[in-house]
Amino acid sequence: MRLLPKQDTFFDMFEKQARTVDQGAQALSALMTDYRDVEEAAYKIKTMEHDADEIAHTIIKKLNTTFVTPFDREDIHALTSAMDDVLDYIENASDRLALYEITEPTEEAVKLVSILVEATTLMVSAVCQLRDMKHPKVIREACVEINRLENQGDQVNRMAIAKLFKMHDSPIEALKWREIYDHIETAIDKCEDVADILESTMLKSG
């Protein structure tokens, strides 16, 4: 039995947006693994962010012109905005790496990006289950794991910030990294926002 009205176009766009966000996270992770051509990598991520913006605008436009929607309009808007926010902060982080001429990533940055990639991969998995809601357990488990990853990201970020306060000889570098950490950690936070919206949508549809 199908729990949601048939609105395949919406689900196609949700999945496309989620995958674009994940591609941005994967691109940032690839940069952390092979740290070179930073400006080029940042430009590629910016292009992905632009693509995601276009998808978001298309979803909102369709939302405003569709009488029957697959689930609550406010949830569609919130889900679209939250996924868009994730990639915005990923793009912010990559932009700062290039703008501040960071020569190499820190261990903490690598850890945060690794957590981010895990979260965006789970986000794709959960969003792709929205179409039929045949596997609510998959959505629920993915959301729980994203919440766990957000807590882990908080812990890594706190340790990273504490380490920055000890950089007495390099205060400017400390300020640069604090901003970059904040962008990455906020991207992880936004993944948790997506998870919360998915859980809420699932409960309403049940």
N, C-alpha and C. Protein backbone atom coordinates (compact mmCIF):
# COMPACT_ATOMS: atom_id res chain seq x y z
N MET A 1 0.85 -1.21 0.00
CA MET A 1 0.00 0.00 0.00
C MET A 1 0.88 1.25 0.00
N ARG A 2 0.61 2.17 -0.89
CA ARG A 2 1.40 3.39 -0.99
C ARG A 2 0.87 4.41 0.00
N LEU A 3 1.74 4.90 0.87
CA LEU A 3 1.32 5.84 1.91
C LEU A 3 1.28 7.28 1.43
N LEU A 4 2.00 7.58 0.34
CA LEU A 4 2.06 8.95 -0.15
C LEU A 4 1.44 9.04 -1.54
N PRO A 5 0.80 10.17 -1.88
CA PRO A 5 0.29 10.35 -3.23
C PRO A 5 1.41 10.23 -4.24
N LYS A 6 1.09 9.80 -5.44
CA LYS A 6 2.12 9.61 -6.46
C LYS A 6 2.57 10.96 -6.99
N GLN A 7 3.74 11.39 -6.59
CA GLN A 7 4.33 12.65 -7.04
C GLN A 7 5.80 12.40 -7.34
N ASP A 8 6.03 11.57 -8.36
CA ASP A 8 7.39 11.12 -8.64
C ASP A 8 8.36 12.26 -8.92
N THR A 9 7.86 13.34 -9.53
CA THR A 9 8.74 14.45 -9.87
C THR A 9 9.40 15.04 -8.62
N PHE A 10 8.62 15.18 -7.55
CA PHE A 10 9.17 15.68 -6.29
C PHE A 10 10.28 14.76 -5.80
N PHE A 11 10.00 13.47 -5.78
CA PHE A 11 10.98 12.52 -5.25
C PHE A 11 12.23 12.47 -6.12
N ASP A 12 12.05 12.58 -7.44
CA ASP A 12 13.21 12.64 -8.34
C ASP A 12 14.11 13.81 -7.95
N MET A 13 13.49 14.95 -7.69
CA MET A 13 14.26 16.15 -7.36
C MET A 13 14.88 16.06 -5.98
N PHE A 14 14.16 15.49 -5.00
CA PHE A 14 14.74 15.31 -3.66
C PHE A 14 16.01 14.46 -3.76
N GLU A 15 15.90 13.35 -4.51
CA GLU A 15 17.03 12.43 -4.63
C GLU A 15 18.20 13.09 -5.37
N LYS A 16 17.87 13.86 -6.42
CA LYS A 16 18.92 14.56 -7.16
C LYS A 16 19.62 15.57 -6.28
N GLN A 17 18.84 16.29 -5.47
CA GLN A 17 19.43 17.28 -4.57
C GLN A 17 20.32 16.61 -3.52
N ALA A 18 19.83 15.52 -2.92
CA ALA A 18 20.60 14.81 -1.90
C ALA A 18 21.92 14.29 -2.48
N ARG A 19 21.86 13.74 -3.69
CA ARG A 19 23.07 13.21 -4.32
C ARG A 19 24.06 14.32 -4.66
N THR A 20 23.55 15.48 -5.04
CA THR A 20 24.43 16.61 -5.33
C THR A 20 25.14 17.08 -4.07
N VAL A 21 24.41 17.11 -2.96
CA VAL A 21 25.01 17.47 -1.67
C VAL A 21 26.10 16.47 -1.31
N ASP A 22 25.81 15.19 -1.49
CA ASP A 22 26.79 14.15 -1.17
C ASP A 22 28.02 14.27 -2.07
N GLN A 23 27.82 14.61 -3.33
CA GLN A 23 28.95 14.80 -4.24
C GLN A 23 29.85 15.93 -3.75
N GLY A 24 29.24 16.99 -3.22
CA GLY A 24 30.02 18.09 -2.67
C GLY A 24 30.85 17.65 -1.48
N ALA A 25 30.24 16.86 -0.59
CA ALA A 25 30.97 16.35 0.57
C ALA A 25 32.10 15.42 0.14
N GLN A 26 31.82 14.57 -0.86
CA GLN A 26 32.84 13.65 -1.36
C GLN A 26 34.00 14.43 -1.99
N ALA A 27 33.67 15.52 -2.68
CA ALA A 27 34.71 16.34 -3.30
C ALA A 27 35.59 17.00 -2.24
N LEU A 28 34.98 17.46 -1.16
CA LEU A 28 35.76 18.06 -0.07
C LEU A 28 36.64 17.00 0.58
N SER A 29 36.12 15.79 0.73
CA SER A 29 36.89 14.69 1.29
C SER A 29 38.08 14.32 0.39
N ALA A 30 37.82 14.31 -0.92
CA ALA A 30 38.91 14.01 -1.87
C ALA A 30 40.02 15.04 -1.77
N LEU A 31 39.63 16.30 -1.58
CA LEU A 31 40.63 17.36 -1.41
C LEU A 31 41.45 17.14 -0.16
N MET A 32 40.80 16.74 0.92
CA MET A 32 41.51 16.50 2.17
C MET A 32 42.48 15.33 2.04
N THR A 33 42.12 14.36 1.22
CA THR A 33 42.97 13.18 1.03
C THR A 33 44.16 13.48 0.13
N ASP A 34 43.92 14.27 -0.92
CA ASP A 34 44.97 14.62 -1.88
C ASP A 34 44.97 16.14 -2.01
N TYR A 35 45.65 16.79 -1.07
CA TYR A 35 45.54 18.24 -0.92
C TYR A 35 46.41 18.99 -1.93
N ARG A 36 45.82 19.24 -3.09
CA ARG A 36 46.49 20.03 -4.13
C ARG A 36 45.41 20.62 -5.04
N ASP A 37 45.81 21.60 -5.85
CA ASP A 37 44.87 22.28 -6.74
C ASP A 37 43.62 22.72 -5.97
N VAL A 38 43.86 23.40 -4.85
CA VAL A 38 42.78 23.77 -3.94
C VAL A 38 41.77 24.69 -4.60
N GLU A 39 42.25 25.67 -5.34
CA GLU A 39 41.33 26.60 -5.99
C GLU A 39 40.44 25.89 -7.00
N GLU A 40 41.00 24.96 -7.74
CA GLU A 40 40.22 24.19 -8.71
C GLU A 40 39.17 23.35 -8.00
N ALA A 41 39.57 22.70 -6.91
CA ALA A 41 38.63 21.87 -6.14
C ALA A 41 37.50 22.73 -5.57
N ALA A 42 37.87 23.91 -5.06
CA ALA A 42 36.86 24.81 -4.50
C ALA A 42 35.89 25.27 -5.58
N TYR A 43 36.41 25.51 -6.78
CA TYR A 43 35.54 25.94 -7.89
C TYR A 43 34.56 24.82 -8.26
N LYS A 44 35.03 23.58 -8.29
CA LYS A 44 34.16 22.45 -8.61
C LYS A 44 33.04 22.32 -7.57
N ILE A 45 33.38 22.51 -6.31
CA ILE A 45 32.37 22.43 -5.26
C ILE A 45 31.38 23.59 -5.38
N LYS A 46 31.88 24.74 -5.75
CA LYS A 46 31.01 25.90 -5.96
C LYS A 46 30.01 25.62 -7.08
N THR A 47 30.48 24.95 -8.13
CA THR A 47 29.60 24.58 -9.24
C THR A 47 28.51 23.62 -8.77
N MET A 48 28.90 22.67 -7.93
CA MET A 48 27.91 21.74 -7.36
C MET A 48 26.89 22.48 -6.50
N GLU A 49 27.38 23.46 -5.74
CA GLU A 49 26.49 24.26 -4.90
C GLU A 49 25.49 25.03 -5.75
N HIS A 50 25.96 25.54 -6.89
CA HIS A 50 25.06 26.24 -7.82
C HIS A 50 24.02 25.28 -8.38
N ASP A 51 24.45 24.08 -8.74
CA ASP A 51 23.51 23.07 -9.26
C ASP A 51 22.44 22.74 -8.22
N ALA A 52 22.87 22.60 -6.97
CA ALA A 52 21.93 22.29 -5.89
C ALA A 52 20.95 23.43 -5.68
N ASP A 53 21.43 24.66 -5.80
CA ASP A 53 20.54 25.83 -5.69
C ASP A 53 19.46 25.78 -6.76
N GLU A 54 19.85 25.42 -7.97
CA GLU A 54 18.89 25.34 -9.08
C GLU A 54 17.83 24.27 -8.81
N ILE A 55 18.28 23.14 -8.27
CA ILE A 55 17.33 22.08 -7.93
C ILE A 55 16.36 22.57 -6.86
N ALA A 56 16.90 23.23 -5.84
CA ALA A 56 16.05 23.76 -4.76
C ALA A 56 15.03 24.75 -5.30
N HIS A 57 15.46 25.63 -6.18
CA HIS A 57 14.54 26.61 -6.76
C HIS A 57 13.45 25.92 -7.56
N THR A 58 13.82 24.86 -8.27
CA THR A 58 12.84 24.11 -9.06
C THR A 58 11.80 23.43 -8.15
N ILE A 59 12.28 22.89 -7.05
CA ILE A 59 11.36 22.24 -6.10
C ILE A 59 10.37 23.26 -5.52
N ILE A 60 10.89 24.41 -5.11
CA ILE A 60 10.02 25.42 -4.52
C ILE A 60 9.02 25.94 -5.56
N LYS A 61 9.48 26.11 -6.79
CA LYS A 61 8.58 26.56 -7.86
C LYS A 61 7.47 25.55 -8.08
N LYS A 62 7.83 24.26 -8.11
CA LYS A 62 6.81 23.22 -8.30
C LYS A 62 5.88 23.17 -7.09
N LEU A 63 6.43 23.37 -5.92
CA LEU A 63 5.62 23.38 -4.70
C LEU A 63 4.54 24.46 -4.77
N ASN A 64 4.91 25.60 -5.32
CA ASN A 64 3.98 26.73 -5.40
C ASN A 64 2.96 26.60 -6.52
N THR A 65 3.15 25.62 -7.40
CA THR A 65 2.23 25.46 -8.53
C THR A 65 1.53 24.10 -8.53
N THR A 66 1.72 23.34 -7.45
CA THR A 66 1.12 22.01 -7.35
C THR A 66 0.05 22.00 -6.28
N PHE A 67 -1.13 21.50 -6.64
CA PHE A 67 -2.24 21.49 -5.69
C PHE A 67 -2.09 20.36 -4.67
N VAL A 68 -1.77 19.15 -5.15
CA VAL A 68 -1.60 17.99 -4.27
C VAL A 68 -0.11 17.68 -4.17
N THR A 69 0.41 17.67 -2.95
CA THR A 69 1.83 17.39 -2.73
C THR A 69 1.99 16.06 -1.99
N PRO A 70 3.14 15.41 -2.12
CA PRO A 70 3.32 14.10 -1.50
C PRO A 70 3.28 14.11 0.03
N PHE A 71 3.69 15.22 0.63
CA PHE A 71 3.53 15.40 2.08
C PHE A 71 3.44 16.90 2.37
N ASP A 72 3.37 17.27 3.62
CA ASP A 72 3.10 18.66 3.99
C ASP A 72 4.01 19.64 3.26
N ARG A 73 3.42 20.73 2.80
CA ARG A 73 4.18 21.74 2.08
C ARG A 73 5.33 22.30 2.93
N GLU A 74 5.04 22.54 4.20
CA GLU A 74 6.08 23.10 5.07
C GLU A 74 7.23 22.13 5.23
N ASP A 75 6.96 20.83 5.21
CA ASP A 75 8.03 19.84 5.33
C ASP A 75 8.85 19.76 4.04
N ILE A 76 8.18 19.89 2.90
CA ILE A 76 8.89 19.90 1.62
C ILE A 76 9.84 21.10 1.56
N HIS A 77 9.32 22.24 1.97
CA HIS A 77 10.14 23.46 1.97
C HIS A 77 11.31 23.32 2.94
N ALA A 78 11.03 22.78 4.13
CA ALA A 78 12.08 22.62 5.15
C ALA A 78 13.15 21.64 4.70
N LEU A 79 12.72 20.52 4.10
CA LEU A 79 13.67 19.51 3.64
C LEU A 79 14.57 20.07 2.54
N THR A 80 13.96 20.76 1.60
CA THR A 80 14.72 21.36 0.50
C THR A 80 15.73 22.38 1.02
N SER A 81 15.29 23.22 1.93
CA SER A 81 16.16 24.27 2.47
C SER A 81 17.30 23.67 3.29
N ALA A 82 16.99 22.64 4.08
CA ALA A 82 18.02 22.03 4.93
C ALA A 82 19.10 21.35 4.08
N MET A 83 18.70 20.64 3.03
CA MET A 83 19.70 20.01 2.16
C MET A 83 20.54 21.07 1.45
N ASP A 84 19.89 22.14 1.04
CA ASP A 84 20.61 23.24 0.40
C ASP A 84 21.64 23.85 1.35
N ASP A 85 21.26 23.96 2.62
CA ASP A 85 22.16 24.52 3.63
C ASP A 85 23.42 23.67 3.81
N VAL A 86 23.26 22.35 3.76
CA VAL A 86 24.42 21.47 3.94
C VAL A 86 25.51 21.81 2.92
N LEU A 87 25.10 21.90 1.65
CA LEU A 87 26.09 22.17 0.60
C LEU A 87 26.60 23.61 0.66
N ASP A 88 25.77 24.52 1.12
CA ASP A 88 26.23 25.91 1.29
C ASP A 88 27.44 25.96 2.23
N TYR A 89 27.35 25.23 3.34
CA TYR A 89 28.46 25.26 4.31
C TYR A 89 29.66 24.45 3.83
N ILE A 90 29.42 23.40 3.05
CA ILE A 90 30.53 22.68 2.44
C ILE A 90 31.29 23.62 1.49
N GLU A 91 30.53 24.37 0.70
CA GLU A 91 31.14 25.32 -0.23
C GLU A 91 31.88 26.42 0.52
N ASN A 92 31.31 26.87 1.63
CA ASN A 92 31.98 27.88 2.45
C ASN A 92 33.34 27.38 2.95
N ALA A 93 33.37 26.13 3.39
CA ALA A 93 34.62 25.56 3.90
C ALA A 93 35.68 25.47 2.81
N SER A 94 35.29 24.95 1.64
CA SER A 94 36.26 24.82 0.55
C SER A 94 36.73 26.19 0.06
N ASP A 95 35.82 27.15 0.05
CA ASP A 95 36.18 28.51 -0.36
C ASP A 95 37.22 29.10 0.58
N ARG A 96 37.05 28.89 1.89
CA ARG A 96 38.01 29.44 2.86
C ARG A 96 39.37 28.76 2.75
N LEU A 97 39.38 27.47 2.43
CA LEU A 97 40.66 26.77 2.25
C LEU A 97 41.48 27.43 1.14
N ALA A 98 40.78 27.83 0.07
CA ALA A 98 41.47 28.49 -1.04
C ALA A 98 41.78 29.94 -0.71
N LEU A 99 40.78 30.65 -0.18
CA LEU A 99 40.93 32.07 0.11
C LEU A 99 42.03 32.34 1.12
N TYR A 100 42.12 31.50 2.15
CA TYR A 100 43.11 31.70 3.20
C TYR A 100 44.45 31.04 2.89
N GLU A 101 44.54 30.46 1.69
CA GLU A 101 45.79 29.84 1.23
C GLU A 101 46.31 28.82 2.25
N ILE A 102 45.41 27.95 2.69
CA ILE A 102 45.78 26.88 3.62
C ILE A 102 46.70 25.90 2.89
N THR A 103 47.84 25.62 3.48
CA THR A 103 48.84 24.80 2.79
C THR A 103 48.62 23.30 2.97
N GLU A 104 48.00 22.91 4.08
CA GLU A 104 47.69 21.50 4.31
C GLU A 104 46.58 21.38 5.35
N PRO A 105 45.78 20.33 5.25
CA PRO A 105 44.68 20.17 6.20
C PRO A 105 45.18 19.68 7.55
N THR A 106 44.45 20.02 8.59
CA THR A 106 44.79 19.51 9.91
C THR A 106 44.15 18.14 10.10
N GLU A 107 44.63 17.41 11.08
CA GLU A 107 44.06 16.10 11.40
C GLU A 107 42.58 16.25 11.78
N GLU A 108 42.27 17.32 12.50
CA GLU A 108 40.88 17.53 12.95
C GLU A 108 39.96 17.84 11.76
N ALA A 109 40.46 18.59 10.78
CA ALA A 109 39.66 18.90 9.60
C ALA A 109 39.35 17.62 8.82
N VAL A 110 40.35 16.77 8.69
CA VAL A 110 40.16 15.49 8.00
C VAL A 110 39.10 14.65 8.71
N LYS A 111 39.16 14.61 10.04
CA LYS A 111 38.17 13.85 10.82
C LYS A 111 36.77 14.41 10.64
N LEU A 112 36.65 15.73 10.70
CA LEU A 112 35.33 16.37 10.55
C LEU A 112 34.74 16.09 9.17
N VAL A 113 35.56 16.17 8.15
CA VAL A 113 35.06 15.92 6.79
C VAL A 113 34.67 14.45 6.62
N SER A 114 35.41 13.56 7.26
CA SER A 114 35.07 12.14 7.22
C SER A 114 33.69 11.90 7.84
N ILE A 115 33.44 12.55 8.95
CA ILE A 115 32.12 12.45 9.61
C ILE A 115 31.04 13.03 8.71
N LEU A 116 31.34 14.15 8.08
CA LEU A 116 30.39 14.80 7.17
C LEU A 116 30.01 13.87 6.03
N VAL A 117 30.98 13.21 5.43
CA VAL A 117 30.71 12.30 4.32
C VAL A 117 29.83 11.14 4.77
N GLU A 118 30.09 10.61 5.95
CA GLU A 118 29.23 9.55 6.46
C GLU A 118 27.79 10.04 6.59
N ALA A 119 27.63 11.27 7.07
CA ALA A 119 26.30 11.83 7.27
C ALA A 119 25.58 12.06 5.94
N THR A 120 26.29 12.60 4.94
CA THR A 120 25.63 12.87 3.65
C THR A 120 25.30 11.57 2.91
N THR A 121 26.13 10.55 3.08
CA THR A 121 25.84 9.25 2.46
C THR A 121 24.57 8.65 3.05
N LEU A 122 24.44 8.74 4.37
CA LEU A 122 23.22 8.28 5.03
C LEU A 122 22.01 9.11 4.63
N MET A 123 22.23 10.40 4.45
CA MET A 123 21.14 11.28 4.02
C MET A 123 20.58 10.83 2.67
N VAL A 124 21.46 10.52 1.74
CA VAL A 124 21.02 10.03 0.43
C VAL A 124 20.20 8.76 0.59
N SER A 125 20.70 7.84 1.40
CA SER A 125 20.00 6.58 1.63
C SER A 125 18.59 6.81 2.16
N ALA A 126 18.47 7.71 3.13
CA ALA A 126 17.16 7.99 3.74
C ALA A 126 16.23 8.70 2.77
N VAL A 127 16.73 9.70 2.06
CA VAL A 127 15.90 10.46 1.12
C VAL A 127 15.38 9.55 0.01
N CYS A 128 16.19 8.60 -0.42
CA CYS A 128 15.77 7.70 -1.49
C CYS A 128 14.68 6.72 -1.05
N GLN A 129 14.44 6.61 0.25
CA GLN A 129 13.37 5.76 0.76
C GLN A 129 12.04 6.51 0.90
N LEU A 130 12.07 7.82 0.70
CA LEU A 130 10.85 8.62 0.85
C LEU A 130 9.80 8.29 -0.20
N ARG A 131 10.26 7.88 -1.37
CA ARG A 131 9.36 7.69 -2.51
C ARG A 131 8.19 6.76 -2.18
N ASP A 132 8.45 5.66 -1.53
CA ASP A 132 7.40 4.69 -1.24
C ASP A 132 7.13 4.49 0.24
N MET A 133 8.09 4.86 1.08
CA MET A 133 7.97 4.62 2.52
C MET A 133 7.76 3.14 2.84
N LYS A 134 8.32 2.27 1.97
CA LYS A 134 8.17 0.84 2.20
C LYS A 134 9.16 0.34 3.25
N HIS A 135 10.19 1.12 3.48
CA HIS A 135 11.22 0.70 4.43
C HIS A 135 11.47 1.81 5.46
N PRO A 136 10.46 2.10 6.29
CA PRO A 136 10.65 3.18 7.28
C PRO A 136 11.79 2.91 8.25
N LYS A 137 12.09 1.62 8.47
CA LYS A 137 13.17 1.26 9.38
C LYS A 137 14.50 1.79 8.85
N VAL A 138 14.68 1.75 7.52
CA VAL A 138 15.92 2.24 6.91
C VAL A 138 16.07 3.73 7.15
N ILE A 139 14.96 4.47 6.99
CA ILE A 139 14.98 5.91 7.23
C ILE A 139 15.29 6.19 8.69
N ARG A 140 14.60 5.47 9.57
CA ARG A 140 14.77 5.69 11.02
C ARG A 140 16.21 5.40 11.44
N GLU A 141 16.76 4.29 10.99
CA GLU A 141 18.13 3.93 11.37
C GLU A 141 19.14 4.93 10.82
N ALA A 142 18.91 5.41 9.60
CA ALA A 142 19.82 6.40 9.01
C ALA A 142 19.77 7.69 9.81
N CYS A 143 18.57 8.10 10.22
CA CYS A 143 18.42 9.34 10.98
C CYS A 143 19.08 9.23 12.36
N VAL A 144 18.93 8.09 13.00
CA VAL A 144 19.56 7.87 14.30
C VAL A 144 21.08 7.95 14.16
N GLU A 145 21.61 7.34 13.10
CA GLU A 145 23.06 7.36 12.89
C GLU A 145 23.56 8.77 12.57
N ILE A 146 22.78 9.53 11.81
CA ILE A 146 23.16 10.91 11.51
C ILE A 146 23.22 11.72 12.81
N ASN A 147 22.26 11.49 13.69
CA ASN A 147 22.27 12.17 14.99
C ASN A 147 23.52 11.81 15.79
N ARG A 148 23.92 10.54 15.73
CA ARG A 148 25.12 10.10 16.44
C ARG A 148 26.36 10.78 15.84
N LEU A 149 26.39 10.87 14.53
CA LEU A 149 27.51 11.51 13.86
C LEU A 149 27.59 12.99 14.19
N GLU A 150 26.44 13.64 14.34
CA GLU A 150 26.44 15.05 14.71
C GLU A 150 27.07 15.25 16.08
N ASN A 151 26.75 14.35 17.01
CA ASN A 151 27.36 14.41 18.34
C ASN A 151 28.87 14.18 18.27
N GLN A 152 29.26 13.24 17.42
CA GLN A 152 30.69 12.96 17.24
C GLN A 152 31.39 14.18 16.64
N GLY A 153 30.73 14.83 15.68
CA GLY A 153 31.29 16.03 15.08
C GLY A 153 31.47 17.14 16.09
N ASP A 154 30.50 17.28 16.99
CA ASP A 154 30.62 18.28 18.07
C ASP A 154 31.85 18.03 18.92
N GLN A 155 32.08 16.77 19.25
CA GLN A 155 33.22 16.41 20.10
C GLN A 155 34.53 16.73 19.39
N VAL A 156 34.64 16.35 18.12
CA VAL A 156 35.86 16.62 17.36
C VAL A 156 36.08 18.12 17.23
N ASN A 157 35.00 18.85 16.99
CA ASN A 157 35.11 20.31 16.84
C ASN A 157 35.57 20.97 18.14
N ARG A 158 35.05 20.50 19.27
CA ARG A 158 35.46 21.06 20.55
C ARG A 158 36.95 20.83 20.80
N MET A 159 37.41 19.63 20.49
CA MET A 159 38.84 19.33 20.67
C MET A 159 39.70 20.16 19.71
N ALA A 160 39.17 20.35 18.49
CA ALA A 160 39.91 21.14 17.51
C ALA A 160 40.04 22.59 17.97
N ILE A 161 38.95 23.16 18.48
CA ILE A 161 38.97 24.55 18.94
C ILE A 161 39.90 24.69 20.15
N ALA A 162 39.85 23.72 21.06
CA ALA A 162 40.73 23.76 22.23
C ALA A 162 42.20 23.76 21.80
N LYS A 163 42.50 23.00 20.77
CA LYS A 163 43.88 22.93 20.26
C LYS A 163 44.29 24.28 19.65
N LEU A 164 43.34 24.95 19.00
CA LEU A 164 43.64 26.25 18.39
C LEU A 164 44.03 27.30 19.44
N PHE A 165 43.41 27.22 20.61
CA PHE A 165 43.71 28.19 21.66
C PHE A 165 45.15 28.07 22.17
N LYS A 166 45.80 26.95 21.84
CA LYS A 166 47.18 26.75 22.26
C LYS A 166 48.18 27.25 21.21
N MET A 167 47.66 27.75 20.07
CA MET A 167 48.53 28.22 19.00
C MET A 167 48.93 29.68 19.25
N HIS A 168 49.65 29.91 20.31
CA HIS A 168 50.01 31.27 20.70
C HIS A 168 50.91 31.97 19.68
N ASP A 169 51.70 31.18 18.96
CA ASP A 169 52.63 31.76 17.99
C ASP A 169 51.99 31.99 16.61
N SER A 170 50.78 31.46 16.42
CA SER A 170 50.12 31.58 15.11
C SER A 170 48.65 31.96 15.26
N PRO A 171 48.36 33.12 15.83
CA PRO A 171 46.97 33.51 16.08
C PRO A 171 46.14 33.66 14.81
N ILE A 172 46.75 34.14 13.72
CA ILE A 172 46.00 34.31 12.47
C ILE A 172 45.61 32.95 11.90
N GLU A 173 46.54 32.00 11.93
CA GLU A 173 46.24 30.65 11.46
C GLU A 173 45.13 30.03 12.30
N ALA A 174 45.17 30.29 13.60
CA ALA A 174 44.13 29.77 14.48
C ALA A 174 42.75 30.32 14.11
N LEU A 175 42.71 31.61 13.79
CA LEU A 175 41.44 32.23 13.40
C LEU A 175 40.92 31.66 12.08
N LYS A 176 41.84 31.43 11.15
CA LYS A 176 41.45 30.84 9.86
C LYS A 176 40.82 29.46 10.07
N TRP A 177 41.50 28.64 10.86
CA TRP A 177 41.02 27.28 11.07
C TRP A 177 39.74 27.24 11.89
N ARG A 178 39.59 28.16 12.81
CA ARG A 178 38.35 28.18 13.58
C ARG A 178 37.15 28.40 12.66
N GLU A 179 37.29 29.29 11.71
CA GLU A 179 36.19 29.55 10.78
C GLU A 179 35.92 28.33 9.90
N ILE A 180 37.00 27.70 9.42
CA ILE A 180 36.83 26.52 8.57
C ILE A 180 36.17 25.38 9.34
N TYR A 181 36.62 25.14 10.57
CA TYR A 181 36.00 24.11 11.40
C TYR A 181 34.52 24.39 11.60
N ASP A 182 34.20 25.65 11.85
CA ASP A 182 32.80 26.02 12.10
C ASP A 182 31.93 25.71 10.88
N HIS A 183 32.44 25.97 9.70
CA HIS A 183 31.67 25.69 8.48
C HIS A 183 31.44 24.19 8.30
N ILE A 184 32.48 23.40 8.52
CA ILE A 184 32.34 21.95 8.36
C ILE A 184 31.39 21.39 9.41
N GLU A 185 31.56 21.84 10.65
CA GLU A 185 30.72 21.33 11.74
C GLU A 185 29.26 21.76 11.54
N THR A 186 29.05 22.95 11.00
CA THR A 186 27.68 23.41 10.74
C THR A 186 27.06 22.59 9.62
N ALA A 187 27.84 22.19 8.63
CA ALA A 187 27.33 21.32 7.57
C ALA A 187 26.83 20.00 8.17
N ILE A 188 27.57 19.48 9.13
CA ILE A 188 27.14 18.25 9.82
C ILE A 188 25.86 18.52 10.60
N ASP A 189 25.78 19.66 11.27
CA ASP A 189 24.56 20.04 11.99
C ASP A 189 23.37 20.07 11.05
N LYS A 190 23.56 20.61 9.85
CA LYS A 190 22.46 20.71 8.89
C LYS A 190 22.01 19.34 8.41
N CYS A 191 22.94 18.38 8.39
CA CYS A 191 22.55 17.00 8.07
C CYS A 191 21.59 16.47 9.14
N GLU A 192 21.85 16.84 10.38
CA GLU A 192 20.95 16.44 11.46
C GLU A 192 19.58 17.10 11.28
N ASP A 193 19.56 18.34 10.82
CA ASP A 193 18.28 19.00 10.52
C ASP A 193 17.51 18.21 9.47
N VAL A 194 18.20 17.75 8.44
CA VAL A 194 17.56 16.94 7.41
C VAL A 194 16.97 15.68 8.03
N ALA A 195 17.75 15.02 8.89
CA ALA A 195 17.29 13.80 9.56
C ALA A 195 16.04 14.06 10.39
N ASP A 196 16.03 15.16 11.12
CA ASP A 196 14.86 15.49 11.94
C ASP A 196 13.62 15.70 11.09
N ILE A 197 13.77 16.36 9.95
CA ILE A 197 12.65 16.59 9.06
C ILE A 197 12.16 15.27 8.48
N LEU A 198 13.07 14.40 8.10
CA LEU A 198 12.69 13.09 7.55
C LEU A 198 11.93 12.26 8.58
N GLU A 199 12.39 12.27 9.80
CA GLU A 199 11.70 11.53 10.87
C GLU A 199 10.30 12.09 11.09
N SER A 200 10.17 13.40 11.12
CA SER A 200 8.87 14.04 11.30
C SER A 200 7.92 13.70 10.15
N THR A 201 8.44 13.74 8.94
CA THR A 201 7.64 13.41 7.75
C THR A 201 7.18 11.97 7.79
N MET A 202 8.07 11.08 8.21
CA MET A 202 7.74 9.66 8.29
C MET A 202 6.64 9.42 9.31
N LEU A 203 6.72 10.08 10.45
CA LEU A 203 5.71 9.91 11.50
C LEU A 203 4.35 10.42 11.02
N LYS A 204 4.33 11.55 10.34
CA LYS A 204 3.07 12.10 9.83
C LYS A 204 2.46 11.20 8.78
N SER A 205 3.32 10.60 7.95
CA SER A 205 2.83 9.74 6.86
C SER A 205 2.36 8.39 7.38
N GLY A 206 2.85 8.02 8.58
CA GLY A 206 2.45 6.73 9.16
C GLY A 206 1.05 6.78 9.73
